[in-house]
């Protein structure tokens, strides 16, 4: 006789974390000035589940003025580079697949794959890709008031961490003064 195992109900049950959820809602309601939340802790304590709960709250209660990426996981190695992360965010936010960012990103990836050029050339092209990303991000903000980026497994950011913290967040903050970011990981 074979046994059938049904999916666990555990994902539909969410217990505790009321202070964190209240704090998240107060940020979305613009009652608090923070725009980056970091959820530290060891693996297995429920950080990802909390991010999933944040996403659910945002999608259900703040639909009109908020664009939400869903969880972008740095465990996925393609998100551990500037171009990979920008592509993932653009995909999740619904940037135009035939738009200027995608075209510039594809050209950068061709250049990178060919290994033709010097480091300075790559950096210049990456900067051009980022500028196109920011331009399309501004277009999105013309349609939505704010963007919620949900980053998971941040301890796996590897080489992209410095760029995210020093460059990406700074430029996004310049565009959107009260952006909401949620980052998880130790």
N, C-alpha and C. Protein backbone atom coordinates (compact mmCIF):
# COMPACT_ATOMS: atom_id res chain seq x y z
N UNK A 1 0.85 -1.18 0.00
CA UNK A 1 0.00 0.00 0.00
C UNK A 1 0.89 1.24 0.00
N UNK A 2 0.66 2.13 -0.94
CA UNK A 2 1.46 3.35 -0.99
C UNK A 2 0.80 4.45 -0.17
N UNK A 3 1.63 5.30 0.37
CA UNK A 3 1.13 6.42 1.15
C UNK A 3 1.17 7.69 0.31
N UNK A 4 0.22 8.55 0.53
CA UNK A 4 0.18 9.83 -0.15
C UNK A 4 0.46 10.90 0.89
N UNK A 5 1.43 11.74 0.59
CA UNK A 5 1.78 12.82 1.49
C UNK A 5 1.24 14.12 0.91
N UNK A 6 0.43 14.80 1.67
CA UNK A 6 -0.15 16.06 1.24
C UNK A 6 0.75 17.21 1.68
N UNK A 7 0.73 18.29 0.90
CA UNK A 7 1.55 19.44 1.30
C UNK A 7 1.20 19.92 2.70
N UNK A 8 2.18 20.40 3.37
CA UNK A 8 1.99 20.89 4.73
C UNK A 8 1.12 22.13 4.74
N UNK A 9 0.34 22.25 5.76
CA UNK A 9 -0.48 23.45 5.97
C UNK A 9 0.33 24.57 6.59
N UNK A 10 1.60 24.31 6.90
CA UNK A 10 2.38 25.27 7.68
C UNK A 10 2.53 26.62 7.00
N UNK A 11 2.53 26.66 5.68
CA UNK A 11 2.69 27.96 5.01
C UNK A 11 1.45 28.82 5.13
N UNK A 12 0.31 28.22 5.39
CA UNK A 12 -0.91 29.02 5.53
C UNK A 12 -1.10 29.53 6.96
N UNK A 13 -0.30 29.01 7.88
CA UNK A 13 -0.39 29.43 9.28
C UNK A 13 0.78 30.37 9.57
N UNK A 14 0.46 31.53 10.12
CA UNK A 14 1.51 32.49 10.47
C UNK A 14 1.24 32.97 11.88
N UNK A 15 2.15 32.69 12.79
CA UNK A 15 1.96 33.01 14.20
C UNK A 15 3.07 33.93 14.66
N UNK A 16 2.70 34.92 15.44
CA UNK A 16 3.69 35.82 16.01
C UNK A 16 4.14 36.90 15.05
N UNK A 17 5.19 37.58 15.43
CA UNK A 17 5.77 38.66 14.63
C UNK A 17 4.85 39.87 14.48
N UNK A 18 3.89 40.00 15.39
CA UNK A 18 2.97 41.14 15.33
C UNK A 18 3.69 42.48 15.37
N UNK A 19 4.71 42.66 16.23
CA UNK A 19 5.41 43.96 16.23
C UNK A 19 6.09 44.26 14.88
N UNK A 20 6.68 43.24 14.26
CA UNK A 20 7.33 43.45 12.96
C UNK A 20 6.29 43.79 11.88
N UNK A 21 5.17 43.12 11.92
CA UNK A 21 4.12 43.38 10.93
C UNK A 21 3.55 44.78 11.13
N UNK A 22 3.34 45.15 12.37
CA UNK A 22 2.82 46.50 12.66
C UNK A 22 3.83 47.56 12.19
N UNK A 23 5.10 47.32 12.44
CA UNK A 23 6.13 48.25 11.98
C UNK A 23 6.17 48.36 10.47
N UNK A 24 6.04 47.25 9.80
CA UNK A 24 6.03 47.24 8.33
C UNK A 24 4.83 48.04 7.80
N UNK A 25 3.66 47.80 8.38
CA UNK A 25 2.47 48.53 7.95
C UNK A 25 2.61 50.03 8.21
N UNK A 26 3.24 50.39 9.33
CA UNK A 26 3.39 51.82 9.62
C UNK A 26 4.34 52.48 8.63
N UNK A 27 5.30 51.73 8.12
CA UNK A 27 6.18 52.28 7.07
C UNK A 27 5.39 52.43 5.77
N UNK A 28 4.62 51.42 5.41
CA UNK A 28 3.82 51.52 4.19
C UNK A 28 2.79 52.65 4.28
N UNK A 29 2.30 52.90 5.50
CA UNK A 29 1.33 53.99 5.71
C UNK A 29 2.00 55.35 5.86
N UNK A 30 3.32 55.36 5.75
CA UNK A 30 4.13 56.58 5.85
C UNK A 30 4.07 57.22 7.24
N UNK A 31 3.88 56.39 8.25
CA UNK A 31 3.87 56.86 9.62
C UNK A 31 5.27 56.84 10.23
N UNK A 32 6.20 56.17 9.57
CA UNK A 32 7.59 56.09 10.02
C UNK A 32 8.50 56.44 8.86
N UNK A 33 9.66 57.03 9.15
CA UNK A 33 10.53 57.49 8.06
C UNK A 33 11.43 56.42 7.44
N UNK A 34 11.54 55.26 8.05
CA UNK A 34 12.46 54.25 7.54
C UNK A 34 12.07 53.83 6.13
N UNK A 35 13.08 53.45 5.35
CA UNK A 35 12.78 52.92 4.04
C UNK A 35 13.56 51.65 3.75
N UNK A 36 14.39 51.24 4.70
CA UNK A 36 15.07 49.95 4.60
C UNK A 36 14.84 49.20 5.91
N UNK A 37 14.36 47.99 5.79
CA UNK A 37 14.22 47.11 6.95
C UNK A 37 15.19 45.95 6.77
N UNK A 38 15.89 45.61 7.81
CA UNK A 38 16.78 44.47 7.78
C UNK A 38 16.29 43.49 8.83
N UNK A 39 16.12 42.25 8.44
CA UNK A 39 15.62 41.23 9.35
C UNK A 39 16.77 40.25 9.59
N UNK A 40 17.54 40.45 10.65
CA UNK A 40 18.67 39.57 10.91
C UNK A 40 18.24 38.29 11.61
N UNK A 41 19.11 37.31 11.57
CA UNK A 41 18.85 36.09 12.32
C UNK A 41 19.41 34.87 11.64
N UNK A 42 19.53 33.83 12.42
CA UNK A 42 20.02 32.54 11.92
C UNK A 42 19.00 31.92 10.99
N UNK A 43 19.48 31.01 10.16
CA UNK A 43 18.60 30.28 9.26
C UNK A 43 17.55 29.50 10.02
N UNK A 44 16.34 29.47 9.50
CA UNK A 44 15.28 28.66 10.10
C UNK A 44 14.40 29.37 11.10
N UNK A 45 14.64 30.66 11.37
CA UNK A 45 13.81 31.35 12.37
C UNK A 45 12.59 32.03 11.76
N UNK A 46 12.46 31.96 10.43
CA UNK A 46 11.24 32.50 9.81
C UNK A 46 11.40 33.82 9.08
N UNK A 47 12.62 34.19 8.71
CA UNK A 47 12.82 35.46 8.01
C UNK A 47 12.14 35.45 6.64
N UNK A 48 12.31 34.37 5.91
CA UNK A 48 11.69 34.28 4.59
C UNK A 48 10.17 34.28 4.71
N UNK A 49 9.66 33.57 5.69
CA UNK A 49 8.20 33.55 5.90
C UNK A 49 7.69 34.95 6.22
N UNK A 50 8.44 35.71 7.00
CA UNK A 50 8.05 37.08 7.32
C UNK A 50 8.04 37.93 6.04
N UNK A 51 9.05 37.77 5.20
CA UNK A 51 9.06 38.50 3.92
C UNK A 51 7.86 38.11 3.06
N UNK A 52 7.52 36.83 3.05
CA UNK A 52 6.34 36.39 2.30
C UNK A 52 5.08 37.04 2.85
N UNK A 53 5.01 37.17 4.17
CA UNK A 53 3.87 37.83 4.80
C UNK A 53 3.84 39.31 4.42
N UNK A 54 5.00 39.97 4.43
CA UNK A 54 5.07 41.37 3.99
C UNK A 54 4.56 41.51 2.56
N UNK A 55 5.00 40.60 1.70
CA UNK A 55 4.55 40.66 0.30
C UNK A 55 3.03 40.50 0.21
N UNK A 56 2.50 39.55 0.95
CA UNK A 56 1.05 39.32 0.93
C UNK A 56 0.29 40.56 1.41
N UNK A 57 0.75 41.15 2.49
CA UNK A 57 0.12 42.37 3.01
C UNK A 57 0.18 43.48 1.97
N UNK A 58 1.34 43.67 1.38
CA UNK A 58 1.52 44.74 0.39
C UNK A 58 0.61 44.53 -0.82
N UNK A 59 0.55 43.32 -1.32
CA UNK A 59 -0.27 43.04 -2.51
C UNK A 59 -1.77 43.15 -2.22
N UNK A 60 -2.18 42.79 -1.01
CA UNK A 60 -3.60 42.81 -0.68
C UNK A 60 -4.09 44.18 -0.20
N UNK A 61 -3.27 44.91 0.52
CA UNK A 61 -3.74 46.12 1.18
C UNK A 61 -3.24 47.42 0.57
N UNK A 62 -2.24 47.35 -0.29
CA UNK A 62 -1.66 48.58 -0.84
C UNK A 62 -1.53 48.47 -2.36
N UNK A 63 -2.61 48.09 -2.99
CA UNK A 63 -2.56 47.75 -4.41
C UNK A 63 -2.42 48.94 -5.34
N UNK A 64 -3.01 50.07 -5.01
CA UNK A 64 -3.08 51.15 -5.99
C UNK A 64 -1.75 51.87 -6.20
N UNK A 65 -1.00 52.14 -5.18
CA UNK A 65 0.18 52.97 -5.35
C UNK A 65 1.50 52.28 -5.11
N UNK A 66 1.50 50.95 -5.05
CA UNK A 66 2.72 50.24 -4.67
C UNK A 66 3.02 49.13 -5.67
N UNK A 67 4.21 49.16 -6.24
CA UNK A 67 4.69 48.06 -7.09
C UNK A 67 5.52 47.14 -6.19
N UNK A 68 5.31 45.84 -6.31
CA UNK A 68 5.96 44.87 -5.44
C UNK A 68 6.71 43.84 -6.29
N UNK A 69 7.99 43.58 -5.95
CA UNK A 69 8.79 42.65 -6.74
C UNK A 69 8.52 41.19 -6.42
N UNK A 70 8.07 40.88 -5.23
CA UNK A 70 8.13 39.50 -4.79
C UNK A 70 9.55 39.26 -4.27
N UNK A 71 9.80 38.07 -3.74
CA UNK A 71 11.10 37.78 -3.15
C UNK A 71 12.18 37.63 -4.23
N UNK A 72 13.22 38.40 -4.11
CA UNK A 72 14.40 38.27 -4.96
C UNK A 72 15.47 37.65 -4.08
N UNK A 73 15.82 36.42 -4.40
CA UNK A 73 16.66 35.61 -3.53
C UNK A 73 18.11 35.63 -4.01
N UNK A 74 19.01 36.07 -3.14
CA UNK A 74 20.43 36.10 -3.48
C UNK A 74 21.06 34.72 -3.44
N UNK A 75 20.31 33.71 -3.03
CA UNK A 75 20.81 32.34 -3.14
C UNK A 75 20.93 31.98 -4.62
N UNK A 76 20.09 32.59 -5.46
CA UNK A 76 20.17 32.43 -6.91
C UNK A 76 21.40 33.20 -7.38
N UNK A 77 22.40 32.51 -7.86
CA UNK A 77 23.67 33.15 -8.20
C UNK A 77 23.55 34.20 -9.29
N UNK A 78 22.53 34.13 -10.13
CA UNK A 78 22.39 35.17 -11.16
C UNK A 78 22.07 36.53 -10.55
N UNK A 79 21.56 36.56 -9.32
CA UNK A 79 21.28 37.82 -8.64
C UNK A 79 22.49 38.37 -7.90
N UNK A 80 23.61 37.68 -7.98
CA UNK A 80 24.82 38.09 -7.25
C UNK A 80 25.74 38.97 -8.09
N UNK A 81 25.25 39.48 -9.21
CA UNK A 81 26.00 40.45 -10.01
C UNK A 81 25.10 41.65 -10.26
N UNK A 82 25.70 42.78 -10.55
CA UNK A 82 24.92 43.99 -10.79
C UNK A 82 23.92 43.78 -11.92
N UNK A 83 24.40 43.25 -13.05
CA UNK A 83 23.53 43.08 -14.21
C UNK A 83 22.45 42.04 -13.95
N UNK A 84 22.81 40.96 -13.26
CA UNK A 84 21.82 39.94 -12.94
C UNK A 84 20.73 40.47 -12.03
N UNK A 85 21.13 41.23 -11.02
CA UNK A 85 20.16 41.80 -10.09
C UNK A 85 19.25 42.81 -10.79
N UNK A 86 19.83 43.68 -11.60
CA UNK A 86 19.01 44.66 -12.33
C UNK A 86 18.02 43.96 -13.26
N UNK A 87 18.47 42.92 -13.94
CA UNK A 87 17.57 42.17 -14.82
C UNK A 87 16.42 41.53 -14.04
N UNK A 88 16.73 40.97 -12.88
CA UNK A 88 15.69 40.33 -12.06
C UNK A 88 14.68 41.36 -11.56
N UNK A 89 15.16 42.48 -11.08
CA UNK A 89 14.25 43.53 -10.60
C UNK A 89 13.38 44.03 -11.76
N UNK A 90 14.00 44.26 -12.91
CA UNK A 90 13.25 44.74 -14.09
C UNK A 90 12.18 43.74 -14.49
N UNK A 91 12.52 42.47 -14.48
CA UNK A 91 11.55 41.42 -14.81
C UNK A 91 10.39 41.43 -13.82
N UNK A 92 10.70 41.49 -12.53
CA UNK A 92 9.67 41.45 -11.49
C UNK A 92 8.78 42.68 -11.50
N UNK A 93 9.34 43.83 -11.91
CA UNK A 93 8.56 45.07 -11.93
C UNK A 93 7.85 45.29 -13.26
N UNK A 94 8.09 44.39 -14.20
CA UNK A 94 7.38 44.45 -15.47
C UNK A 94 7.90 45.50 -16.44
N UNK A 95 9.20 45.76 -16.40
CA UNK A 95 9.78 46.69 -17.38
C UNK A 95 9.51 46.16 -18.79
N UNK A 96 9.39 47.05 -19.74
CA UNK A 96 9.13 46.71 -21.14
C UNK A 96 10.26 45.81 -21.67
N UNK A 97 9.91 44.58 -22.12
CA UNK A 97 10.94 43.67 -22.63
C UNK A 97 11.69 44.21 -23.85
N UNK A 98 11.06 45.11 -24.59
CA UNK A 98 11.73 45.68 -25.77
C UNK A 98 12.21 47.10 -25.48
N UNK A 99 12.23 47.49 -24.21
CA UNK A 99 12.62 48.85 -23.83
C UNK A 99 14.13 49.07 -23.83
N UNK A 100 14.51 50.31 -23.57
CA UNK A 100 15.91 50.72 -23.62
C UNK A 100 16.78 49.96 -22.61
N UNK A 101 16.24 49.69 -21.42
CA UNK A 101 17.03 48.95 -20.43
C UNK A 101 17.36 47.56 -20.94
N UNK A 102 16.37 46.84 -21.42
CA UNK A 102 16.60 45.46 -21.90
C UNK A 102 17.60 45.45 -23.04
N UNK A 103 17.48 46.38 -23.96
CA UNK A 103 18.41 46.45 -25.09
C UNK A 103 19.84 46.69 -24.60
N UNK A 104 19.99 47.65 -23.71
CA UNK A 104 21.33 47.96 -23.18
C UNK A 104 21.88 46.79 -22.38
N UNK A 105 21.02 46.14 -21.61
CA UNK A 105 21.44 44.98 -20.82
C UNK A 105 21.90 43.85 -21.73
N UNK A 106 21.16 43.60 -22.79
CA UNK A 106 21.55 42.54 -23.73
C UNK A 106 22.89 42.86 -24.39
N UNK A 107 23.10 44.12 -24.75
CA UNK A 107 24.38 44.52 -25.36
C UNK A 107 25.53 44.33 -24.37
N UNK A 108 25.29 44.69 -23.12
CA UNK A 108 26.32 44.50 -22.09
C UNK A 108 26.66 43.02 -21.94
N UNK A 109 25.64 42.18 -21.92
CA UNK A 109 25.88 40.75 -21.75
C UNK A 109 26.64 40.17 -22.95
N UNK A 110 26.36 40.65 -24.15
CA UNK A 110 27.13 40.21 -25.32
C UNK A 110 28.59 40.62 -25.18
N UNK A 111 28.84 41.85 -24.78
CA UNK A 111 30.19 42.34 -24.58
C UNK A 111 30.90 41.52 -23.51
N UNK A 112 30.20 41.25 -22.44
CA UNK A 112 30.77 40.48 -21.34
C UNK A 112 31.11 39.06 -21.78
N UNK A 113 30.23 38.45 -22.56
CA UNK A 113 30.46 37.09 -23.03
C UNK A 113 31.63 37.01 -24.00
N UNK A 114 31.82 38.07 -24.79
CA UNK A 114 32.90 38.07 -25.78
C UNK A 114 34.26 38.30 -25.13
N UNK A 115 34.26 38.85 -23.93
CA UNK A 115 35.47 39.17 -23.18
C UNK A 115 36.36 40.15 -23.94
N UNK A 116 35.77 40.88 -24.89
CA UNK A 116 36.50 41.93 -25.60
C UNK A 116 36.38 43.21 -24.78
N UNK A 117 37.47 43.88 -24.61
CA UNK A 117 37.42 45.15 -23.90
C UNK A 117 38.13 45.09 -22.57
N UNK A 118 38.37 46.26 -22.07
CA UNK A 118 39.05 46.41 -20.79
C UNK A 118 38.03 46.59 -19.68
N UNK A 119 38.50 46.53 -18.46
CA UNK A 119 37.64 46.71 -17.31
C UNK A 119 36.91 48.05 -17.36
N UNK A 120 37.60 49.09 -17.79
CA UNK A 120 36.98 50.42 -17.87
C UNK A 120 35.81 50.42 -18.86
N UNK A 121 35.95 49.68 -19.95
CA UNK A 121 34.87 49.58 -20.94
C UNK A 121 33.66 48.89 -20.31
N UNK A 122 33.91 47.81 -19.59
CA UNK A 122 32.82 47.11 -18.93
C UNK A 122 32.12 48.01 -17.92
N UNK A 123 32.90 48.75 -17.15
CA UNK A 123 32.31 49.64 -16.14
C UNK A 123 31.49 50.74 -16.80
N UNK A 124 31.98 51.29 -17.91
CA UNK A 124 31.21 52.31 -18.63
C UNK A 124 29.91 51.74 -19.15
N UNK A 125 29.97 50.55 -19.71
CA UNK A 125 28.74 49.93 -20.25
C UNK A 125 27.77 49.57 -19.14
N UNK A 126 28.29 49.09 -18.01
CA UNK A 126 27.43 48.80 -16.87
C UNK A 126 26.76 50.07 -16.39
N UNK A 127 27.47 51.15 -16.37
CA UNK A 127 26.90 52.44 -15.96
C UNK A 127 25.77 52.85 -16.92
N UNK A 128 25.95 52.60 -18.21
CA UNK A 128 24.91 52.90 -19.19
C UNK A 128 23.67 52.03 -18.95
N UNK A 129 23.90 50.77 -18.63
CA UNK A 129 22.78 49.87 -18.32
C UNK A 129 22.02 50.39 -17.10
N UNK A 130 22.78 50.79 -16.07
CA UNK A 130 22.16 51.28 -14.84
C UNK A 130 21.36 52.56 -15.11
N UNK A 131 21.88 53.44 -15.94
CA UNK A 131 21.16 54.67 -16.29
C UNK A 131 19.84 54.35 -17.00
N UNK A 132 19.86 53.36 -17.88
CA UNK A 132 18.62 52.95 -18.57
C UNK A 132 17.64 52.33 -17.57
N UNK A 133 18.17 51.55 -16.63
CA UNK A 133 17.33 50.97 -15.59
C UNK A 133 16.64 52.08 -14.79
N UNK A 134 17.43 53.06 -14.37
CA UNK A 134 16.88 54.16 -13.56
C UNK A 134 15.84 54.95 -14.35
N UNK A 135 16.04 55.13 -15.63
CA UNK A 135 15.06 55.84 -16.46
C UNK A 135 13.74 55.08 -16.49
N UNK A 136 13.79 53.76 -16.65
CA UNK A 136 12.56 52.98 -16.67
C UNK A 136 11.93 52.90 -15.28
N UNK A 137 12.76 52.93 -14.25
CA UNK A 137 12.25 52.96 -12.88
C UNK A 137 11.44 54.25 -12.66
N UNK A 138 11.95 55.36 -13.18
CA UNK A 138 11.23 56.63 -13.08
C UNK A 138 9.88 56.56 -13.79
N UNK A 139 9.84 55.89 -14.93
CA UNK A 139 8.57 55.71 -15.65
C UNK A 139 7.59 54.93 -14.77
N UNK A 140 8.08 53.88 -14.13
CA UNK A 140 7.24 53.09 -13.23
C UNK A 140 6.68 53.96 -12.11
N UNK A 141 7.50 54.86 -11.58
CA UNK A 141 7.05 55.73 -10.50
C UNK A 141 6.01 56.74 -10.98
N UNK A 142 5.92 56.94 -12.27
CA UNK A 142 4.85 57.76 -12.82
C UNK A 142 3.51 57.05 -12.75
N UNK A 143 3.57 55.72 -12.64
CA UNK A 143 2.36 54.90 -12.57
C UNK A 143 2.05 54.46 -11.14
N UNK A 144 3.08 54.26 -10.35
CA UNK A 144 2.95 53.85 -8.95
C UNK A 144 3.67 54.87 -8.08
N UNK A 145 3.25 55.03 -6.87
CA UNK A 145 3.89 55.99 -5.97
C UNK A 145 5.22 55.48 -5.43
N UNK A 146 5.26 54.19 -5.12
CA UNK A 146 6.44 53.61 -4.48
C UNK A 146 6.66 52.20 -4.98
N UNK A 147 7.84 51.68 -4.65
CA UNK A 147 8.22 50.33 -5.03
C UNK A 147 8.68 49.58 -3.78
N UNK A 148 8.24 48.35 -3.65
CA UNK A 148 8.68 47.49 -2.55
C UNK A 148 9.57 46.40 -3.13
N UNK A 149 10.84 46.44 -2.77
CA UNK A 149 11.80 45.42 -3.18
C UNK A 149 12.00 44.48 -2.00
N UNK A 150 11.84 43.20 -2.23
CA UNK A 150 11.99 42.21 -1.17
C UNK A 150 13.20 41.34 -1.48
N UNK A 151 14.28 41.54 -0.73
CA UNK A 151 15.52 40.79 -0.93
C UNK A 151 15.64 39.72 0.15
N UNK A 152 15.91 38.50 -0.28
CA UNK A 152 16.04 37.37 0.65
C UNK A 152 17.45 36.79 0.54
N UNK A 153 17.89 36.17 1.61
CA UNK A 153 19.19 35.51 1.70
C UNK A 153 20.31 36.49 1.37
N UNK A 154 20.27 37.64 2.01
CA UNK A 154 21.25 38.71 1.75
C UNK A 154 22.67 38.32 2.12
N UNK A 155 22.83 37.33 2.97
CA UNK A 155 24.18 36.90 3.32
C UNK A 155 24.89 36.28 2.10
N UNK A 156 24.14 35.98 1.05
CA UNK A 156 24.71 35.43 -0.18
C UNK A 156 24.96 36.48 -1.26
N UNK A 157 24.87 37.76 -0.92
CA UNK A 157 25.03 38.82 -1.92
C UNK A 157 26.41 38.80 -2.58
N UNK A 158 27.39 38.35 -1.86
CA UNK A 158 28.77 38.24 -2.33
C UNK A 158 29.25 39.55 -2.94
N UNK A 159 29.72 39.57 -4.17
CA UNK A 159 30.34 40.74 -4.76
C UNK A 159 29.42 41.90 -5.04
N UNK A 160 28.12 41.69 -5.02
CA UNK A 160 27.19 42.76 -5.36
C UNK A 160 26.77 43.58 -4.13
N UNK A 161 27.11 43.13 -2.95
CA UNK A 161 26.66 43.80 -1.73
C UNK A 161 27.09 45.26 -1.66
N UNK A 162 28.34 45.52 -1.89
CA UNK A 162 28.83 46.90 -1.81
C UNK A 162 28.12 47.78 -2.84
N UNK A 163 27.95 47.28 -4.05
CA UNK A 163 27.27 48.05 -5.10
C UNK A 163 25.81 48.33 -4.71
N UNK A 164 25.12 47.33 -4.17
CA UNK A 164 23.73 47.52 -3.76
C UNK A 164 23.63 48.58 -2.68
N UNK A 165 24.46 48.47 -1.66
CA UNK A 165 24.39 49.39 -0.53
C UNK A 165 24.86 50.80 -0.88
N UNK A 166 25.95 50.89 -1.64
CA UNK A 166 26.54 52.20 -1.89
C UNK A 166 26.03 52.89 -3.15
N UNK A 167 25.64 52.14 -4.14
CA UNK A 167 25.27 52.74 -5.42
C UNK A 167 23.78 52.61 -5.71
N UNK A 168 23.28 51.38 -5.69
CA UNK A 168 21.89 51.13 -6.05
C UNK A 168 20.93 51.86 -5.12
N UNK A 169 21.04 51.62 -3.83
CA UNK A 169 20.13 52.27 -2.88
C UNK A 169 20.24 53.79 -2.93
N UNK A 170 21.45 54.29 -3.09
CA UNK A 170 21.64 55.74 -3.16
C UNK A 170 20.91 56.34 -4.36
N UNK A 171 21.05 55.73 -5.52
CA UNK A 171 20.40 56.25 -6.74
C UNK A 171 18.88 56.11 -6.65
N UNK A 172 18.42 54.99 -6.13
CA UNK A 172 16.98 54.79 -5.99
C UNK A 172 16.41 55.81 -5.00
N UNK A 173 17.12 56.04 -3.91
CA UNK A 173 16.66 57.02 -2.93
C UNK A 173 16.61 58.42 -3.53
N UNK A 174 17.55 58.74 -4.42
CA UNK A 174 17.52 60.04 -5.09
C UNK A 174 16.28 60.18 -5.96
N UNK A 175 15.83 59.08 -6.55
CA UNK A 175 14.64 59.10 -7.40
C UNK A 175 13.38 59.12 -6.55
N UNK A 176 13.37 58.28 -5.55
CA UNK A 176 12.16 58.05 -4.76
C UNK A 176 12.50 58.25 -3.29
N UNK A 177 12.32 59.43 -2.79
CA UNK A 177 12.74 59.78 -1.45
C UNK A 177 12.20 58.93 -0.34
N UNK A 178 11.04 58.33 -0.53
CA UNK A 178 10.48 57.53 0.57
C UNK A 178 10.19 56.11 0.11
N UNK A 179 11.12 55.54 -0.58
CA UNK A 179 11.00 54.18 -1.07
C UNK A 179 10.98 53.18 0.09
N UNK A 180 10.37 52.05 -0.13
CA UNK A 180 10.34 51.00 0.88
C UNK A 180 11.20 49.84 0.38
N UNK A 181 12.15 49.42 1.18
CA UNK A 181 13.00 48.28 0.87
C UNK A 181 12.93 47.32 2.06
N UNK A 182 12.90 46.06 1.78
CA UNK A 182 12.97 45.10 2.87
C UNK A 182 14.07 44.11 2.53
N UNK A 183 15.03 43.96 3.42
CA UNK A 183 16.14 43.04 3.20
C UNK A 183 16.19 42.05 4.34
N UNK A 184 16.48 40.81 4.01
CA UNK A 184 16.57 39.74 5.00
C UNK A 184 17.92 39.11 4.92
N UNK A 185 18.37 38.58 5.99
CA UNK A 185 19.60 37.79 5.97
C UNK A 185 20.63 38.34 6.93
N UNK A 186 21.56 37.49 7.29
CA UNK A 186 22.54 37.88 8.28
C UNK A 186 23.78 38.24 7.71
